[in-house]
N, C-alpha and C. Protein backbone atom coordinates (compact mmCIF):
# COMPACT_ATOMS: atom_id res chain seq x y z
N TYR A 1 -12.59 -2.72 9.05
CA TYR A 1 -12.35 -2.19 7.71
C TYR A 1 -11.14 -2.86 7.06
N LEU A 2 -10.02 -2.88 7.77
CA LEU A 2 -8.79 -3.42 7.20
C LEU A 2 -8.92 -4.91 6.89
N GLN A 3 -9.56 -5.64 7.76
CA GLN A 3 -9.76 -7.07 7.53
C GLN A 3 -10.60 -7.29 6.27
N TYR A 4 -11.64 -6.50 6.07
CA TYR A 4 -12.49 -6.61 4.88
C TYR A 4 -11.69 -6.28 3.62
N ARG A 5 -10.87 -5.24 3.69
CA ARG A 5 -10.06 -4.82 2.54
C ARG A 5 -9.07 -5.91 2.14
N ILE A 6 -8.36 -6.45 3.11
CA ILE A 6 -7.39 -7.51 2.81
C ILE A 6 -8.10 -8.75 2.29
N ARG A 7 -9.22 -9.09 2.89
CA ARG A 7 -9.97 -10.27 2.43
C ARG A 7 -10.49 -10.07 1.01
N SER A 8 -10.86 -8.85 0.65
CA SER A 8 -11.33 -8.57 -0.72
C SER A 8 -10.21 -8.82 -1.73
N SER A 9 -8.98 -8.39 -1.40
CA SER A 9 -7.85 -8.65 -2.29
C SER A 9 -7.57 -10.14 -2.39
N GLU A 10 -7.63 -10.82 -1.26
CA GLU A 10 -7.43 -12.28 -1.27
C GLU A 10 -8.50 -12.96 -2.12
N TYR A 11 -9.72 -12.53 -2.00
CA TYR A 11 -10.84 -13.10 -2.77
C TYR A 11 -10.61 -12.91 -4.26
N LEU A 12 -10.16 -11.72 -4.65
CA LEU A 12 -9.85 -11.48 -6.06
C LEU A 12 -8.72 -12.39 -6.52
N GLY A 13 -7.66 -12.49 -5.73
CA GLY A 13 -6.54 -13.36 -6.09
C GLY A 13 -6.96 -14.82 -6.22
N GLU A 14 -7.76 -15.30 -5.29
CA GLU A 14 -8.25 -16.68 -5.34
C GLU A 14 -9.10 -16.91 -6.59
N GLY A 15 -9.93 -15.93 -6.92
CA GLY A 15 -10.77 -16.06 -8.11
C GLY A 15 -9.96 -16.12 -9.39
N LEU A 16 -8.90 -15.32 -9.45
CA LEU A 16 -8.04 -15.34 -10.64
C LEU A 16 -7.28 -16.65 -10.74
N LEU A 17 -6.76 -17.13 -9.61
CA LEU A 17 -6.02 -18.39 -9.61
C LEU A 17 -6.90 -19.56 -10.04
N LYS A 18 -8.19 -19.48 -9.73
CA LYS A 18 -9.13 -20.54 -10.11
C LYS A 18 -9.15 -20.74 -11.63
N TYR A 19 -8.85 -19.68 -12.37
CA TYR A 19 -8.82 -19.75 -13.84
C TYR A 19 -7.39 -19.75 -14.38
N ASN A 20 -6.44 -20.15 -13.52
CA ASN A 20 -5.03 -20.26 -13.89
C ASN A 20 -4.46 -18.95 -14.40
N ILE A 21 -4.88 -17.86 -13.81
CA ILE A 21 -4.34 -16.55 -14.14
C ILE A 21 -3.20 -16.30 -13.15
N PRO A 22 -1.97 -16.17 -13.65
CA PRO A 22 -0.82 -16.05 -12.74
C PRO A 22 -0.78 -14.69 -12.04
N ILE A 23 -0.67 -14.74 -10.72
CA ILE A 23 -0.58 -13.52 -9.93
C ILE A 23 0.65 -13.59 -9.04
N ILE A 24 1.02 -12.43 -8.51
CA ILE A 24 2.07 -12.39 -7.50
C ILE A 24 1.40 -12.72 -6.17
N ASN A 25 1.90 -13.76 -5.51
CA ASN A 25 1.31 -14.20 -4.25
C ASN A 25 2.19 -13.82 -3.08
N PRO A 26 1.64 -13.45 -1.97
CA PRO A 26 0.21 -13.30 -1.70
C PRO A 26 -0.29 -11.96 -2.23
N PRO A 27 -1.60 -11.84 -2.47
CA PRO A 27 -2.14 -10.54 -2.86
C PRO A 27 -1.88 -9.52 -1.75
N GLY A 28 -1.70 -8.26 -2.13
CA GLY A 28 -1.47 -7.22 -1.13
C GLY A 28 -2.78 -6.68 -0.59
N GLY A 29 -2.68 -5.89 0.45
CA GLY A 29 -3.86 -5.28 1.03
C GLY A 29 -4.48 -4.24 0.12
N HIS A 30 -3.71 -3.77 -0.84
CA HIS A 30 -4.20 -2.74 -1.76
C HIS A 30 -4.67 -3.30 -3.10
N GLY A 31 -4.39 -4.56 -3.38
CA GLY A 31 -4.81 -5.11 -4.66
C GLY A 31 -4.03 -6.34 -5.06
N VAL A 32 -4.14 -6.66 -6.35
CA VAL A 32 -3.55 -7.88 -6.90
C VAL A 32 -2.72 -7.51 -8.13
N TYR A 33 -1.57 -8.18 -8.28
CA TYR A 33 -0.73 -8.01 -9.46
C TYR A 33 -0.82 -9.26 -10.32
N ILE A 34 -1.21 -9.08 -11.58
CA ILE A 34 -1.23 -10.19 -12.54
C ILE A 34 0.12 -10.22 -13.24
N ASN A 35 0.69 -11.41 -13.40
CA ASN A 35 1.94 -11.59 -14.12
C ASN A 35 1.61 -11.70 -15.61
N ALA A 36 1.69 -10.57 -16.31
CA ALA A 36 1.32 -10.53 -17.73
C ALA A 36 2.33 -11.27 -18.60
N LYS A 37 3.57 -11.36 -18.16
CA LYS A 37 4.58 -12.09 -18.94
C LYS A 37 4.21 -13.57 -19.04
N LYS A 38 3.73 -14.14 -17.94
CA LYS A 38 3.30 -15.54 -17.95
C LYS A 38 1.92 -15.69 -18.60
N PHE A 39 1.05 -14.72 -18.39
CA PHE A 39 -0.31 -14.80 -18.91
C PHE A 39 -0.35 -14.66 -20.43
N LEU A 40 0.54 -13.83 -20.98
CA LEU A 40 0.58 -13.59 -22.43
C LEU A 40 1.98 -13.88 -22.98
N PRO A 41 2.44 -15.13 -22.90
CA PRO A 41 3.81 -15.43 -23.33
C PRO A 41 4.04 -15.22 -24.82
N HIS A 42 2.99 -15.14 -25.61
CA HIS A 42 3.13 -14.94 -27.05
C HIS A 42 3.43 -13.48 -27.42
N ILE A 43 3.35 -12.57 -26.45
CA ILE A 43 3.65 -11.16 -26.71
C ILE A 43 5.04 -10.85 -26.18
N LYS A 44 5.91 -10.39 -27.06
CA LYS A 44 7.29 -10.05 -26.68
C LYS A 44 7.30 -8.79 -25.82
N PRO A 45 8.30 -8.66 -24.95
CA PRO A 45 8.37 -7.47 -24.09
C PRO A 45 8.32 -6.15 -24.87
N ILE A 46 8.92 -6.12 -26.05
CA ILE A 46 8.92 -4.88 -26.83
C ILE A 46 7.52 -4.49 -27.30
N ASN A 47 6.59 -5.43 -27.20
CA ASN A 47 5.19 -5.16 -27.57
C ASN A 47 4.28 -5.04 -26.35
N PHE A 48 4.87 -4.89 -25.17
CA PHE A 48 4.19 -4.48 -23.95
C PHE A 48 3.03 -5.39 -23.52
N PRO A 49 3.32 -6.62 -23.11
CA PRO A 49 2.24 -7.52 -22.69
C PRO A 49 1.41 -6.97 -21.53
N GLY A 50 2.04 -6.29 -20.60
CA GLY A 50 1.29 -5.72 -19.47
C GLY A 50 0.30 -4.67 -19.93
N GLN A 51 0.73 -3.80 -20.81
CA GLN A 51 -0.16 -2.76 -21.31
C GLN A 51 -1.24 -3.36 -22.20
N ALA A 52 -0.89 -4.39 -22.96
CA ALA A 52 -1.89 -5.05 -23.81
C ALA A 52 -2.99 -5.65 -22.94
N LEU A 53 -2.62 -6.28 -21.83
CA LEU A 53 -3.62 -6.85 -20.93
C LEU A 53 -4.44 -5.74 -20.26
N SER A 54 -3.78 -4.69 -19.84
CA SER A 54 -4.49 -3.58 -19.21
C SER A 54 -5.52 -2.98 -20.17
N CYS A 55 -5.14 -2.82 -21.42
CA CYS A 55 -6.08 -2.31 -22.44
C CYS A 55 -7.23 -3.28 -22.66
N GLN A 56 -6.92 -4.57 -22.68
CA GLN A 56 -7.97 -5.58 -22.91
C GLN A 56 -8.99 -5.58 -21.77
N LEU A 57 -8.52 -5.41 -20.55
CA LEU A 57 -9.43 -5.33 -19.41
C LEU A 57 -10.38 -4.14 -19.55
N TYR A 58 -9.86 -3.04 -20.04
CA TYR A 58 -10.72 -1.87 -20.23
C TYR A 58 -11.70 -2.08 -21.38
N LEU A 59 -11.21 -2.64 -22.47
CA LEU A 59 -12.08 -2.87 -23.63
C LEU A 59 -13.18 -3.87 -23.33
N GLU A 60 -12.85 -4.95 -22.66
CA GLU A 60 -13.83 -6.01 -22.41
C GLU A 60 -14.78 -5.69 -21.27
N GLY A 61 -14.28 -5.02 -20.23
CA GLY A 61 -15.12 -4.85 -19.06
C GLY A 61 -15.15 -3.46 -18.44
N GLY A 62 -14.46 -2.50 -19.07
CA GLY A 62 -14.42 -1.17 -18.47
C GLY A 62 -13.62 -1.13 -17.18
N ILE A 63 -12.72 -2.09 -17.01
CA ILE A 63 -11.94 -2.22 -15.78
C ILE A 63 -10.62 -1.49 -15.96
N ARG A 64 -10.38 -0.51 -15.09
CA ARG A 64 -9.16 0.28 -15.17
C ARG A 64 -8.08 -0.35 -14.29
N THR A 65 -6.93 -0.55 -14.90
CA THR A 65 -5.77 -1.11 -14.21
C THR A 65 -4.56 -0.29 -14.63
N VAL A 66 -3.39 -0.68 -14.16
CA VAL A 66 -2.17 0.00 -14.59
C VAL A 66 -1.09 -1.03 -14.88
N GLU A 67 -0.36 -0.80 -15.95
CA GLU A 67 0.77 -1.64 -16.34
C GLU A 67 1.98 -1.21 -15.53
N ILE A 68 2.68 -2.17 -14.98
CA ILE A 68 3.95 -1.91 -14.32
C ILE A 68 4.93 -2.88 -14.96
N GLY A 69 5.55 -2.44 -16.02
CA GLY A 69 6.42 -3.31 -16.80
C GLY A 69 7.25 -2.50 -17.76
N THR A 70 7.37 -2.99 -18.97
CA THR A 70 8.27 -2.39 -19.95
C THR A 70 7.80 -1.02 -20.42
N LEU A 71 6.50 -0.80 -20.52
CA LEU A 71 6.06 0.54 -20.92
C LEU A 71 6.50 1.56 -19.88
N MET A 72 6.37 1.21 -18.61
CA MET A 72 6.73 2.13 -17.53
C MET A 72 8.24 2.17 -17.29
N PHE A 73 8.91 1.02 -17.34
CA PHE A 73 10.30 0.94 -16.93
C PHE A 73 11.28 0.47 -18.00
N GLY A 74 10.82 0.17 -19.20
CA GLY A 74 11.73 -0.23 -20.27
C GLY A 74 12.62 0.93 -20.68
N LYS A 75 13.79 0.60 -21.22
CA LYS A 75 14.77 1.64 -21.58
C LYS A 75 15.47 1.27 -22.88
N ARG A 76 16.28 2.18 -23.31
CA ARG A 76 17.21 1.93 -24.42
C ARG A 76 18.61 2.21 -23.89
N ASP A 77 19.56 1.36 -24.29
CA ASP A 77 20.94 1.60 -23.87
C ASP A 77 21.54 2.70 -24.76
N PRO A 78 22.78 3.12 -24.48
CA PRO A 78 23.38 4.20 -25.28
C PRO A 78 23.44 3.91 -26.78
N LYS A 79 23.44 2.65 -27.16
CA LYS A 79 23.47 2.30 -28.58
C LYS A 79 22.07 2.20 -29.18
N GLY A 80 21.04 2.40 -28.36
CA GLY A 80 19.67 2.34 -28.85
C GLY A 80 19.03 0.98 -28.76
N ASN A 81 19.73 0.01 -28.17
CA ASN A 81 19.16 -1.33 -28.03
C ASN A 81 18.08 -1.34 -26.95
N PHE A 82 17.03 -2.06 -27.21
CA PHE A 82 15.89 -2.14 -26.30
C PHE A 82 16.23 -2.95 -25.06
N LEU A 83 15.90 -2.43 -23.90
CA LEU A 83 16.12 -3.11 -22.62
C LEU A 83 14.77 -3.24 -21.91
N PRO A 84 14.15 -4.42 -21.94
CA PRO A 84 12.84 -4.56 -21.29
C PRO A 84 12.96 -4.52 -19.77
N ALA A 85 11.85 -4.24 -19.13
CA ALA A 85 11.78 -4.30 -17.67
C ALA A 85 11.87 -5.76 -17.24
N PRO A 86 12.34 -6.02 -16.03
CA PRO A 86 12.46 -7.42 -15.58
C PRO A 86 11.12 -8.12 -15.38
N MET A 87 10.06 -7.36 -15.12
CA MET A 87 8.74 -7.96 -14.89
C MET A 87 7.70 -7.24 -15.74
N GLU A 88 6.64 -7.95 -16.06
CA GLU A 88 5.49 -7.39 -16.79
C GLU A 88 4.26 -7.65 -15.93
N LEU A 89 3.86 -6.64 -15.19
CA LEU A 89 2.75 -6.79 -14.25
C LEU A 89 1.59 -5.88 -14.61
N VAL A 90 0.40 -6.27 -14.18
CA VAL A 90 -0.78 -5.42 -14.25
C VAL A 90 -1.32 -5.33 -12.83
N ARG A 91 -1.41 -4.09 -12.33
CA ARG A 91 -1.91 -3.89 -10.97
C ARG A 91 -3.41 -3.65 -10.99
N MET A 92 -4.11 -4.46 -10.23
CA MET A 92 -5.55 -4.28 -10.03
C MET A 92 -5.72 -3.74 -8.61
N ALA A 93 -5.79 -2.43 -8.49
CA ALA A 93 -5.88 -1.80 -7.17
C ALA A 93 -7.29 -1.92 -6.61
N MET A 94 -7.37 -1.94 -5.30
CA MET A 94 -8.65 -2.02 -4.60
C MET A 94 -8.84 -0.70 -3.84
N PRO A 95 -9.58 0.24 -4.41
CA PRO A 95 -9.81 1.50 -3.69
C PRO A 95 -10.53 1.25 -2.36
N ARG A 96 -10.31 2.14 -1.43
CA ARG A 96 -10.92 1.98 -0.10
C ARG A 96 -12.44 2.11 -0.16
N ARG A 97 -13.10 1.17 0.45
CA ARG A 97 -14.55 1.22 0.70
C ARG A 97 -15.38 1.54 -0.54
N VAL A 98 -15.01 0.94 -1.65
CA VAL A 98 -15.72 1.20 -2.91
C VAL A 98 -16.39 -0.05 -3.45
N TYR A 99 -15.64 -1.17 -3.51
CA TYR A 99 -16.14 -2.35 -4.19
C TYR A 99 -16.81 -3.34 -3.25
N THR A 100 -17.89 -3.94 -3.76
CA THR A 100 -18.56 -5.02 -3.05
C THR A 100 -18.10 -6.35 -3.64
N GLN A 101 -18.53 -7.44 -3.07
CA GLN A 101 -18.16 -8.75 -3.61
C GLN A 101 -18.67 -8.91 -5.03
N SER A 102 -19.83 -8.36 -5.35
CA SER A 102 -20.34 -8.50 -6.72
C SER A 102 -19.47 -7.75 -7.72
N HIS A 103 -18.85 -6.64 -7.31
CA HIS A 103 -17.91 -5.95 -8.19
C HIS A 103 -16.70 -6.85 -8.47
N ILE A 104 -16.19 -7.46 -7.42
CA ILE A 104 -15.01 -8.32 -7.58
C ILE A 104 -15.37 -9.55 -8.41
N ASP A 105 -16.55 -10.10 -8.20
CA ASP A 105 -17.00 -11.23 -9.03
C ASP A 105 -17.03 -10.83 -10.50
N TYR A 106 -17.46 -9.61 -10.80
CA TYR A 106 -17.49 -9.12 -12.18
C TYR A 106 -16.08 -9.08 -12.76
N VAL A 107 -15.13 -8.56 -12.00
CA VAL A 107 -13.74 -8.50 -12.47
C VAL A 107 -13.23 -9.91 -12.76
N ILE A 108 -13.53 -10.85 -11.89
CA ILE A 108 -13.10 -12.24 -12.09
C ILE A 108 -13.74 -12.81 -13.36
N GLU A 109 -15.02 -12.53 -13.58
CA GLU A 109 -15.71 -13.02 -14.78
C GLU A 109 -15.09 -12.45 -16.05
N VAL A 110 -14.76 -11.17 -16.04
CA VAL A 110 -14.13 -10.56 -17.21
C VAL A 110 -12.76 -11.19 -17.45
N MET A 111 -11.99 -11.40 -16.39
CA MET A 111 -10.67 -12.03 -16.55
C MET A 111 -10.80 -13.47 -17.02
N GLU A 112 -11.84 -14.17 -16.59
CA GLU A 112 -12.07 -15.53 -17.09
C GLU A 112 -12.28 -15.50 -18.60
N TYR A 113 -13.10 -14.57 -19.08
CA TYR A 113 -13.35 -14.43 -20.51
C TYR A 113 -12.05 -14.09 -21.26
N ILE A 114 -11.30 -13.15 -20.72
CA ILE A 114 -10.03 -12.78 -21.36
C ILE A 114 -9.08 -13.97 -21.38
N ALA A 115 -9.03 -14.73 -20.29
CA ALA A 115 -8.14 -15.89 -20.23
C ALA A 115 -8.49 -16.91 -21.31
N LYS A 116 -9.77 -17.12 -21.54
CA LYS A 116 -10.19 -18.07 -22.57
C LYS A 116 -9.85 -17.59 -23.98
N ASN A 117 -9.66 -16.29 -24.13
CA ASN A 117 -9.39 -15.70 -25.45
C ASN A 117 -8.02 -15.02 -25.51
N ARG A 118 -7.14 -15.37 -24.59
CA ARG A 118 -5.86 -14.65 -24.48
C ARG A 118 -5.00 -14.72 -25.74
N ASN A 119 -5.12 -15.81 -26.51
CA ASN A 119 -4.29 -15.92 -27.72
C ASN A 119 -4.69 -14.93 -28.80
N LYS A 120 -5.85 -14.31 -28.66
CA LYS A 120 -6.30 -13.29 -29.62
C LYS A 120 -5.74 -11.91 -29.30
N ILE A 121 -5.20 -11.75 -28.10
CA ILE A 121 -4.66 -10.45 -27.70
C ILE A 121 -3.34 -10.23 -28.41
N LYS A 122 -3.21 -9.07 -29.01
CA LYS A 122 -1.98 -8.72 -29.73
C LYS A 122 -1.20 -7.69 -28.94
N GLY A 123 0.07 -7.64 -29.21
CA GLY A 123 0.92 -6.65 -28.56
C GLY A 123 0.66 -5.26 -29.11
N LEU A 124 1.32 -4.30 -28.51
CA LEU A 124 1.16 -2.90 -28.89
C LEU A 124 2.47 -2.35 -29.43
N GLU A 125 2.36 -1.26 -30.16
CA GLU A 125 3.54 -0.57 -30.69
C GLU A 125 3.36 0.91 -30.43
N ILE A 126 4.38 1.53 -29.89
CA ILE A 126 4.33 2.98 -29.66
C ILE A 126 4.80 3.66 -30.93
N VAL A 127 3.97 4.55 -31.44
CA VAL A 127 4.34 5.28 -32.66
C VAL A 127 4.78 6.70 -32.35
N GLU A 128 4.39 7.21 -31.17
CA GLU A 128 4.81 8.55 -30.76
C GLU A 128 4.70 8.64 -29.25
N ALA A 129 5.72 9.20 -28.61
CA ALA A 129 5.70 9.32 -27.15
C ALA A 129 6.66 10.42 -26.71
N PRO A 130 6.35 11.09 -25.61
CA PRO A 130 7.29 12.07 -25.06
C PRO A 130 8.52 11.35 -24.50
N LEU A 131 9.61 12.08 -24.37
CA LEU A 131 10.84 11.48 -23.85
C LEU A 131 10.74 11.15 -22.37
N VAL A 132 10.00 11.95 -21.62
CA VAL A 132 9.87 11.76 -20.18
C VAL A 132 8.45 11.30 -19.86
N LEU A 133 8.32 10.34 -18.98
CA LEU A 133 7.02 9.81 -18.57
C LEU A 133 6.18 9.37 -19.76
N SER A 134 6.79 8.62 -20.65
CA SER A 134 6.09 8.19 -21.87
C SER A 134 4.90 7.29 -21.60
N HIS A 135 4.81 6.72 -20.40
CA HIS A 135 3.66 5.86 -20.07
C HIS A 135 2.46 6.68 -19.59
N LEU A 136 2.58 8.00 -19.53
CA LEU A 136 1.49 8.85 -19.07
C LEU A 136 1.12 9.93 -20.09
N PRO A 137 0.89 9.57 -21.35
CA PRO A 137 0.55 10.62 -22.32
C PRO A 137 -0.81 11.24 -22.00
N GLN A 138 -0.94 12.52 -22.23
CA GLN A 138 -2.19 13.23 -21.94
C GLN A 138 -2.79 13.74 -23.23
N ASN A 139 -3.34 12.86 -24.03
CA ASN A 139 -3.95 13.26 -25.30
C ASN A 139 -5.45 13.18 -25.22
């Protein structure tokens, strides 16, 4: 089981690298992290490149991921100046015993399409958010 799980993450990482999609290497046993800062350099941190990519994955392919970047960890200093997170990542988790190779191939195909059209992806703007856990709104 564990060997299959780790190999599935490696397979996803290799597939993404084939299309020059920057990932954190090596892929983990639980999934793959895409470096959204490198993948979408035209989106400033204040416009949440990780969340923009995560949204695009859902819109294009119904693929659920999570942003681990400025939306989750960005802050404001005491003067109100924006402080981005040091990294902009998108986590593609691999649930236990759920996905087959054809599922992973589908994810790679969707990311290939997104990569070819990445310059069309726009950043996001938060217009309303709770003070605590603003990356987890329940609307």
